């Protein structure tokens, strides 16, 4: 079976949507990434990545209700699809296989 390709930032965004579960929308995905990684990311970068992951079939989305907090605008919520979960499992497996294949002397150099 052919593995899905995920870029590093796509993986972070997809994982973050999975972490946030039913409450994942653009702004809080951006904030969560910044909080968890210590990395400053732009909302437009996250938004573009969310759209790309949806086009790849790894995310689905739906519009939430309008809120006064947002001036009557609605939020687009994202959820991870079956294909997205499979892609995350594939990435995890590849990373684990590579980490497990590291020679002991390399791990010692890394302090492990």
N, C-alpha and C. Protein backbone atom coordinates (compact mmCIF):
# COMPACT_ATOMS: atom_id res chain seq x y z
N UNK A 1 0.84 -1.18 0.00
CA UNK A 1 0.00 0.00 0.00
C UNK A 1 0.88 1.24 0.00
N UNK A 2 0.54 2.17 -0.85
CA UNK A 2 1.31 3.40 -0.96
C UNK A 2 1.07 4.29 0.26
N UNK A 3 2.15 4.81 0.82
CA UNK A 3 2.03 5.70 1.97
C UNK A 3 1.73 7.10 1.52
N UNK A 4 0.99 7.80 2.36
CA UNK A 4 0.68 9.20 2.09
C UNK A 4 1.88 10.04 2.48
N UNK A 5 2.15 11.07 1.71
CA UNK A 5 3.25 11.97 2.03
C UNK A 5 2.70 13.16 2.81
N UNK A 6 3.33 13.42 3.93
CA UNK A 6 3.00 14.60 4.73
C UNK A 6 4.27 15.39 4.96
N UNK A 7 4.21 16.69 4.68
CA UNK A 7 5.33 17.56 5.03
C UNK A 7 5.36 17.74 6.54
N UNK A 8 6.50 18.23 7.05
CA UNK A 8 6.65 18.39 8.50
C UNK A 8 5.57 19.30 9.08
N UNK A 9 5.29 20.43 8.43
CA UNK A 9 4.28 21.34 8.97
C UNK A 9 2.88 20.76 8.81
N UNK A 10 2.65 20.05 7.71
CA UNK A 10 1.35 19.38 7.55
C UNK A 10 1.12 18.38 8.68
N UNK A 11 2.16 17.65 9.04
CA UNK A 11 2.05 16.68 10.13
C UNK A 11 1.69 17.39 11.44
N UNK A 12 2.34 18.51 11.72
CA UNK A 12 2.06 19.26 12.95
C UNK A 12 0.62 19.77 12.95
N UNK A 13 0.17 20.30 11.84
CA UNK A 13 -1.21 20.81 11.76
C UNK A 13 -2.21 19.67 11.91
N UNK A 14 -1.97 18.57 11.22
CA UNK A 14 -2.89 17.42 11.30
C UNK A 14 -2.93 16.86 12.72
N UNK A 15 -1.77 16.74 13.37
CA UNK A 15 -1.73 16.27 14.76
C UNK A 15 -2.47 17.23 15.68
N UNK A 16 -2.30 18.52 15.45
CA UNK A 16 -2.96 19.52 16.29
C UNK A 16 -4.48 19.44 16.14
N UNK A 17 -4.96 19.27 14.93
CA UNK A 17 -6.41 19.10 14.73
C UNK A 17 -6.88 17.86 15.49
N UNK A 18 -6.10 16.79 15.43
CA UNK A 18 -6.48 15.57 16.16
C UNK A 18 -6.50 15.82 17.66
N UNK A 19 -5.53 16.57 18.17
CA UNK A 19 -5.47 16.88 19.60
C UNK A 19 -6.69 17.70 20.02
N UNK A 20 -7.05 18.69 19.22
CA UNK A 20 -8.16 19.58 19.57
C UNK A 20 -9.52 18.92 19.35
N UNK A 21 -9.51 17.82 18.61
CA UNK A 21 -10.71 17.01 18.37
C UNK A 21 -11.84 17.84 17.76
N UNK A 22 -12.99 17.88 18.37
CA UNK A 22 -14.16 18.55 17.78
C UNK A 22 -14.04 20.08 17.78
N UNK A 23 -13.12 20.63 18.55
CA UNK A 23 -13.02 22.08 18.68
C UNK A 23 -11.93 22.72 17.84
N UNK A 24 -11.49 22.05 16.77
CA UNK A 24 -10.37 22.58 15.98
C UNK A 24 -10.85 23.55 14.91
N UNK A 25 -10.44 24.80 15.01
CA UNK A 25 -10.67 25.79 13.96
C UNK A 25 -9.39 26.60 13.81
N UNK A 26 -9.30 27.39 12.76
CA UNK A 26 -8.04 28.03 12.39
C UNK A 26 -7.30 28.75 13.49
N UNK A 27 -7.99 29.59 14.24
CA UNK A 27 -7.31 30.40 15.25
C UNK A 27 -6.76 29.52 16.37
N UNK A 28 -7.57 28.60 16.86
CA UNK A 28 -7.05 27.81 17.99
C UNK A 28 -6.02 26.76 17.55
N UNK A 29 -6.08 26.33 16.29
CA UNK A 29 -5.01 25.46 15.78
C UNK A 29 -3.71 26.26 15.77
N UNK A 30 -3.76 27.49 15.31
CA UNK A 30 -2.58 28.35 15.28
C UNK A 30 -2.02 28.55 16.69
N UNK A 31 -2.90 28.88 17.63
CA UNK A 31 -2.46 29.12 19.02
C UNK A 31 -1.88 27.85 19.65
N UNK A 32 -2.51 26.72 19.39
CA UNK A 32 -2.04 25.45 19.96
C UNK A 32 -0.65 25.09 19.43
N UNK A 33 -0.46 25.30 18.13
CA UNK A 33 0.86 25.02 17.55
C UNK A 33 1.92 25.90 18.20
N UNK A 34 1.61 27.19 18.35
CA UNK A 34 2.58 28.10 18.96
C UNK A 34 2.88 27.69 20.40
N UNK A 35 1.84 27.32 21.13
CA UNK A 35 2.02 26.93 22.53
C UNK A 35 2.81 25.63 22.66
N UNK A 36 2.50 24.65 21.84
CA UNK A 36 3.15 23.33 21.97
C UNK A 36 4.55 23.29 21.39
N UNK A 37 4.80 24.09 20.33
CA UNK A 37 6.11 24.00 19.67
C UNK A 37 7.02 25.17 20.00
N UNK A 38 6.47 26.25 20.53
CA UNK A 38 7.27 27.44 20.77
C UNK A 38 7.65 28.15 19.48
N UNK A 39 6.96 27.81 18.44
CA UNK A 39 7.25 28.31 17.10
C UNK A 39 6.17 29.31 16.71
N UNK A 40 6.57 30.46 16.21
CA UNK A 40 5.59 31.45 15.76
C UNK A 40 5.13 31.08 14.36
N UNK A 41 3.82 30.94 14.20
CA UNK A 41 3.27 30.60 12.88
C UNK A 41 2.18 31.61 12.55
N UNK A 42 2.06 31.91 11.30
CA UNK A 42 1.03 32.84 10.85
C UNK A 42 -0.29 32.13 10.64
N UNK A 43 -1.38 32.84 10.93
CA UNK A 43 -2.70 32.26 10.73
C UNK A 43 -2.89 31.86 9.27
N UNK A 44 -2.41 32.70 8.34
CA UNK A 44 -2.62 32.39 6.92
C UNK A 44 -1.87 31.12 6.52
N UNK A 45 -0.72 30.88 7.12
CA UNK A 45 0.03 29.65 6.84
C UNK A 45 -0.76 28.44 7.32
N UNK A 46 -1.31 28.55 8.53
CA UNK A 46 -2.11 27.44 9.08
C UNK A 46 -3.37 27.25 8.23
N UNK A 47 -4.02 28.35 7.87
CA UNK A 47 -5.24 28.26 7.06
C UNK A 47 -4.96 27.56 5.73
N UNK A 48 -3.88 27.96 5.06
CA UNK A 48 -3.52 27.33 3.79
C UNK A 48 -3.24 25.85 3.96
N UNK A 49 -2.58 25.50 5.05
CA UNK A 49 -2.26 24.09 5.31
C UNK A 49 -3.53 23.30 5.62
N UNK A 50 -4.44 23.89 6.38
CA UNK A 50 -5.72 23.22 6.65
C UNK A 50 -6.45 22.94 5.34
N UNK A 51 -6.47 23.92 4.44
CA UNK A 51 -7.15 23.73 3.15
C UNK A 51 -6.46 22.64 2.33
N UNK A 52 -5.12 22.65 2.32
CA UNK A 52 -4.38 21.63 1.55
C UNK A 52 -4.65 20.23 2.10
N UNK A 53 -4.67 20.11 3.44
CA UNK A 53 -4.95 18.80 4.05
C UNK A 53 -6.38 18.35 3.74
N UNK A 54 -7.31 19.30 3.66
CA UNK A 54 -8.69 18.95 3.28
C UNK A 54 -8.73 18.48 1.82
N UNK A 55 -7.98 19.16 0.94
CA UNK A 55 -7.94 18.76 -0.47
C UNK A 55 -7.34 17.36 -0.63
N UNK A 56 -6.39 17.02 0.24
CA UNK A 56 -5.78 15.69 0.20
C UNK A 56 -6.68 14.62 0.81
N UNK A 57 -7.76 15.05 1.43
CA UNK A 57 -8.71 14.10 2.03
C UNK A 57 -8.36 13.72 3.45
N UNK A 58 -7.42 14.45 4.08
CA UNK A 58 -7.01 14.13 5.44
C UNK A 58 -7.84 14.86 6.49
N UNK A 59 -8.56 15.89 6.07
CA UNK A 59 -9.43 16.64 6.97
C UNK A 59 -10.79 16.85 6.31
N UNK A 60 -11.80 16.91 7.13
CA UNK A 60 -13.11 17.38 6.66
C UNK A 60 -13.45 18.60 7.49
N UNK A 61 -14.42 19.37 7.03
CA UNK A 61 -14.77 20.58 7.78
C UNK A 61 -16.26 20.83 7.70
N UNK A 62 -16.71 21.61 8.65
CA UNK A 62 -18.10 22.06 8.65
C UNK A 62 -18.15 23.43 9.32
N UNK A 63 -19.17 24.20 8.98
CA UNK A 63 -19.33 25.53 9.56
C UNK A 63 -20.10 25.43 10.86
N UNK A 64 -19.58 26.11 11.90
CA UNK A 64 -20.28 26.19 13.17
C UNK A 64 -21.28 27.34 13.14
N UNK A 65 -21.96 27.53 14.24
CA UNK A 65 -22.95 28.60 14.31
C UNK A 65 -22.30 29.97 14.49
N UNK A 66 -23.03 31.00 14.14
CA UNK A 66 -22.54 32.36 14.31
C UNK A 66 -22.52 32.72 15.79
N UNK A 67 -21.51 33.48 16.19
CA UNK A 67 -21.40 33.89 17.59
C UNK A 67 -21.25 35.41 17.67
N UNK A 68 -21.76 35.96 18.76
CA UNK A 68 -21.62 37.40 18.98
C UNK A 68 -20.16 37.76 19.18
N UNK A 69 -19.42 36.83 19.80
CA UNK A 69 -17.98 37.03 20.05
C UNK A 69 -17.24 37.33 18.74
N UNK A 70 -17.69 36.76 17.66
CA UNK A 70 -17.03 36.93 16.35
C UNK A 70 -17.83 37.89 15.46
N UNK A 71 -18.67 38.71 16.05
CA UNK A 71 -19.44 39.67 15.28
C UNK A 71 -20.43 39.01 14.34
N UNK A 72 -20.94 37.85 14.75
CA UNK A 72 -21.93 37.16 13.93
C UNK A 72 -21.34 36.25 12.87
N UNK A 73 -20.01 36.20 12.81
CA UNK A 73 -19.38 35.32 11.80
C UNK A 73 -19.32 33.89 12.34
N UNK A 74 -19.26 32.97 11.42
CA UNK A 74 -19.19 31.55 11.79
C UNK A 74 -17.76 31.04 11.71
N UNK A 75 -17.48 29.99 12.46
CA UNK A 75 -16.15 29.35 12.43
C UNK A 75 -16.24 28.09 11.58
N UNK A 76 -15.14 27.78 10.88
CA UNK A 76 -15.05 26.51 10.16
C UNK A 76 -14.27 25.53 11.05
N UNK A 77 -14.91 24.46 11.45
CA UNK A 77 -14.29 23.44 12.30
C UNK A 77 -13.75 22.30 11.43
N UNK A 78 -12.60 21.79 11.83
CA UNK A 78 -11.94 20.71 11.09
C UNK A 78 -11.87 19.45 11.93
N UNK A 79 -12.03 18.31 11.27
CA UNK A 79 -11.85 17.01 11.93
C UNK A 79 -10.99 16.12 11.03
N UNK A 80 -10.27 15.23 11.67
CA UNK A 80 -9.39 14.32 10.94
C UNK A 80 -10.23 13.18 10.36
N UNK A 81 -10.03 12.90 9.08
CA UNK A 81 -10.75 11.81 8.41
C UNK A 81 -10.04 10.48 8.66
N UNK A 82 -10.63 9.42 8.20
CA UNK A 82 -10.00 8.09 8.29
C UNK A 82 -8.66 8.11 7.55
N UNK A 83 -8.63 8.72 6.37
CA UNK A 83 -7.37 8.81 5.61
C UNK A 83 -6.33 9.63 6.38
N UNK A 84 -6.78 10.67 7.08
CA UNK A 84 -5.86 11.48 7.88
C UNK A 84 -5.28 10.69 9.04
N UNK A 85 -6.13 9.90 9.70
CA UNK A 85 -5.64 9.07 10.82
C UNK A 85 -4.64 8.04 10.30
N UNK A 86 -4.93 7.47 9.13
CA UNK A 86 -4.02 6.49 8.54
C UNK A 86 -2.69 7.16 8.19
N UNK A 87 -2.73 8.37 7.66
CA UNK A 87 -1.49 9.09 7.31
C UNK A 87 -0.66 9.36 8.57
N UNK A 88 -1.34 9.75 9.67
CA UNK A 88 -0.60 9.99 10.91
C UNK A 88 0.02 8.70 11.44
N UNK A 89 -0.70 7.60 11.35
CA UNK A 89 -0.14 6.31 11.79
C UNK A 89 1.07 5.93 10.94
N UNK A 90 0.98 6.16 9.63
CA UNK A 90 2.11 5.85 8.73
C UNK A 90 3.34 6.67 9.10
N UNK A 91 3.14 7.96 9.34
CA UNK A 91 4.26 8.84 9.70
C UNK A 91 4.87 8.39 11.02
N UNK A 92 4.01 8.07 11.98
CA UNK A 92 4.50 7.62 13.29
C UNK A 92 5.33 6.34 13.15
N UNK A 93 4.83 5.42 12.33
CA UNK A 93 5.53 4.14 12.14
C UNK A 93 6.90 4.37 11.51
N UNK A 94 6.96 5.19 10.48
CA UNK A 94 8.25 5.47 9.81
C UNK A 94 9.23 6.10 10.80
N UNK A 95 8.75 7.08 11.57
CA UNK A 95 9.64 7.73 12.54
C UNK A 95 10.14 6.74 13.59
N UNK A 96 9.24 5.89 14.10
CA UNK A 96 9.65 4.90 15.11
C UNK A 96 10.66 3.92 14.53
N UNK A 97 10.45 3.49 13.28
CA UNK A 97 11.39 2.56 12.66
C UNK A 97 12.77 3.21 12.51
N UNK A 98 12.79 4.48 12.11
CA UNK A 98 14.07 5.17 11.96
C UNK A 98 14.76 5.36 13.31
N UNK A 99 14.00 5.78 14.33
CA UNK A 99 14.60 5.96 15.67
C UNK A 99 15.11 4.64 16.22
N UNK A 100 14.36 3.57 15.99
CA UNK A 100 14.77 2.26 16.48
C UNK A 100 15.99 1.72 15.73
N UNK A 101 16.24 2.22 14.53
CA UNK A 101 17.37 1.75 13.73
C UNK A 101 18.66 2.51 14.02
N UNK A 102 18.59 3.55 14.85
CA UNK A 102 19.80 4.31 15.16
C UNK A 102 20.81 3.43 15.88
N UNK A 103 22.07 3.47 15.45
CA UNK A 103 23.11 2.71 16.14
C UNK A 103 23.30 3.25 17.56
N UNK A 104 23.64 2.37 18.51
CA UNK A 104 23.80 2.79 19.91
C UNK A 104 24.77 3.95 20.09
N UNK A 105 25.86 3.95 19.30
CA UNK A 105 26.85 5.04 19.46
C UNK A 105 26.24 6.38 19.05
N UNK A 106 25.33 6.39 18.13
CA UNK A 106 24.67 7.64 17.73
C UNK A 106 23.76 8.12 18.85
N UNK A 107 23.04 7.18 19.47
CA UNK A 107 22.17 7.55 20.60
C UNK A 107 22.99 8.13 21.75
N UNK A 108 24.18 7.55 22.00
CA UNK A 108 25.03 8.06 23.07
C UNK A 108 25.48 9.49 22.78
N UNK A 109 25.81 9.76 21.53
CA UNK A 109 26.21 11.12 21.15
C UNK A 109 25.08 12.12 21.34
N UNK A 110 23.85 11.61 21.23
CA UNK A 110 22.68 12.47 21.38
C UNK A 110 22.24 12.56 22.84
N UNK A 111 22.95 11.87 23.73
CA UNK A 111 22.60 11.91 25.15
C UNK A 111 21.51 10.92 25.52
N UNK A 112 21.24 9.96 24.63
CA UNK A 112 20.18 8.98 24.91
C UNK A 112 20.68 7.67 25.42
